[in-house]
């Protein structure tokens, strides 16, 4: 739904392995949530930010 405070620190090239880490910081009910995230390549943070999202029922 939204991405706040996103910073891209270094480029990521084809063939590199990217690890995405997310920590849930807020949850409203069982549908809406906020998480602080960062991406790591070769032990270096390449991007970070805060994401707000919602869960959808797949029926």
Protein backbone atom coordinates (compact mmCIF):
# COMPACT_ATOMS: atom_id res chain seq x y z
CA UNK A 1 0.00 0.00 0.00
CA UNK A 2 2.86 2.39 0.78
CA UNK A 3 6.64 2.62 1.06
CA UNK A 4 8.14 5.31 3.34
CA UNK A 5 11.74 6.37 3.92
CA UNK A 6 13.06 4.08 1.19
CA UNK A 7 16.77 4.47 0.44
CA UNK A 8 18.70 2.67 -2.29
CA UNK A 9 22.31 2.56 -1.12
CA UNK A 10 24.13 0.38 -3.69
CA UNK A 11 23.23 -1.23 -7.03
CA UNK A 12 22.51 -4.97 -7.22
CA UNK A 13 23.79 -6.79 -10.30
CA UNK A 14 22.54 -9.97 -12.04
CA UNK A 15 23.93 -13.09 -10.40
CA UNK A 16 24.15 -11.57 -6.91
CA UNK A 17 22.06 -13.06 -4.11
CA UNK A 18 19.83 -10.59 -2.27
CA UNK A 19 18.44 -11.34 1.19
CA UNK A 20 15.32 -9.44 2.25
CA UNK A 21 14.84 -8.97 6.00
CA UNK A 22 11.54 -7.69 7.42
CA UNK A 23 10.49 -6.95 11.00
CA UNK A 24 6.80 -6.48 11.71
CA UNK A 25 6.42 -3.21 13.63
CA UNK A 26 2.62 -2.74 13.70
CA UNK A 27 -0.45 -4.83 13.00
CA UNK A 28 -3.98 -3.48 12.88
CA UNK A 29 -6.53 -6.27 13.09
CA UNK A 30 -5.63 -9.26 10.98
CA UNK A 31 -5.47 -7.40 7.63
CA UNK A 32 -3.24 -4.28 7.81
CA UNK A 33 0.44 -4.33 8.84
CA UNK A 34 3.64 -2.27 8.78
CA UNK A 35 7.19 -3.64 8.56
CA UNK A 36 10.71 -2.21 8.66
CA UNK A 37 12.75 -3.85 5.89
CA UNK A 38 16.28 -3.96 4.59
CA UNK A 39 18.01 -5.84 1.76
CA UNK A 40 21.51 -7.29 2.07
CA UNK A 41 24.03 -8.35 -0.61
CA UNK A 42 27.49 -9.63 0.42
CA UNK A 43 26.98 -8.45 4.04
CA UNK A 44 26.22 -4.87 2.89
CA UNK A 45 22.82 -3.17 3.18
CA UNK A 46 21.77 -2.17 -0.34
CA UNK A 47 18.31 -0.75 0.46
CA UNK A 48 16.00 -0.08 3.39
CA UNK A 49 12.61 1.38 4.18
CA UNK A 50 9.24 0.92 5.86
CA UNK A 51 6.41 -0.86 4.06
CA UNK A 52 2.68 -0.82 4.79
CA UNK A 53 0.66 -3.66 3.35
CA UNK A 54 -2.56 -5.62 3.59
CA UNK A 55 -3.30 -9.33 3.47
CA UNK A 56 -5.76 -10.63 0.87
CA UNK A 57 -7.93 -13.75 1.05
CA UNK A 58 -7.25 -16.06 -1.90
CA UNK A 59 -10.44 -18.04 -2.46
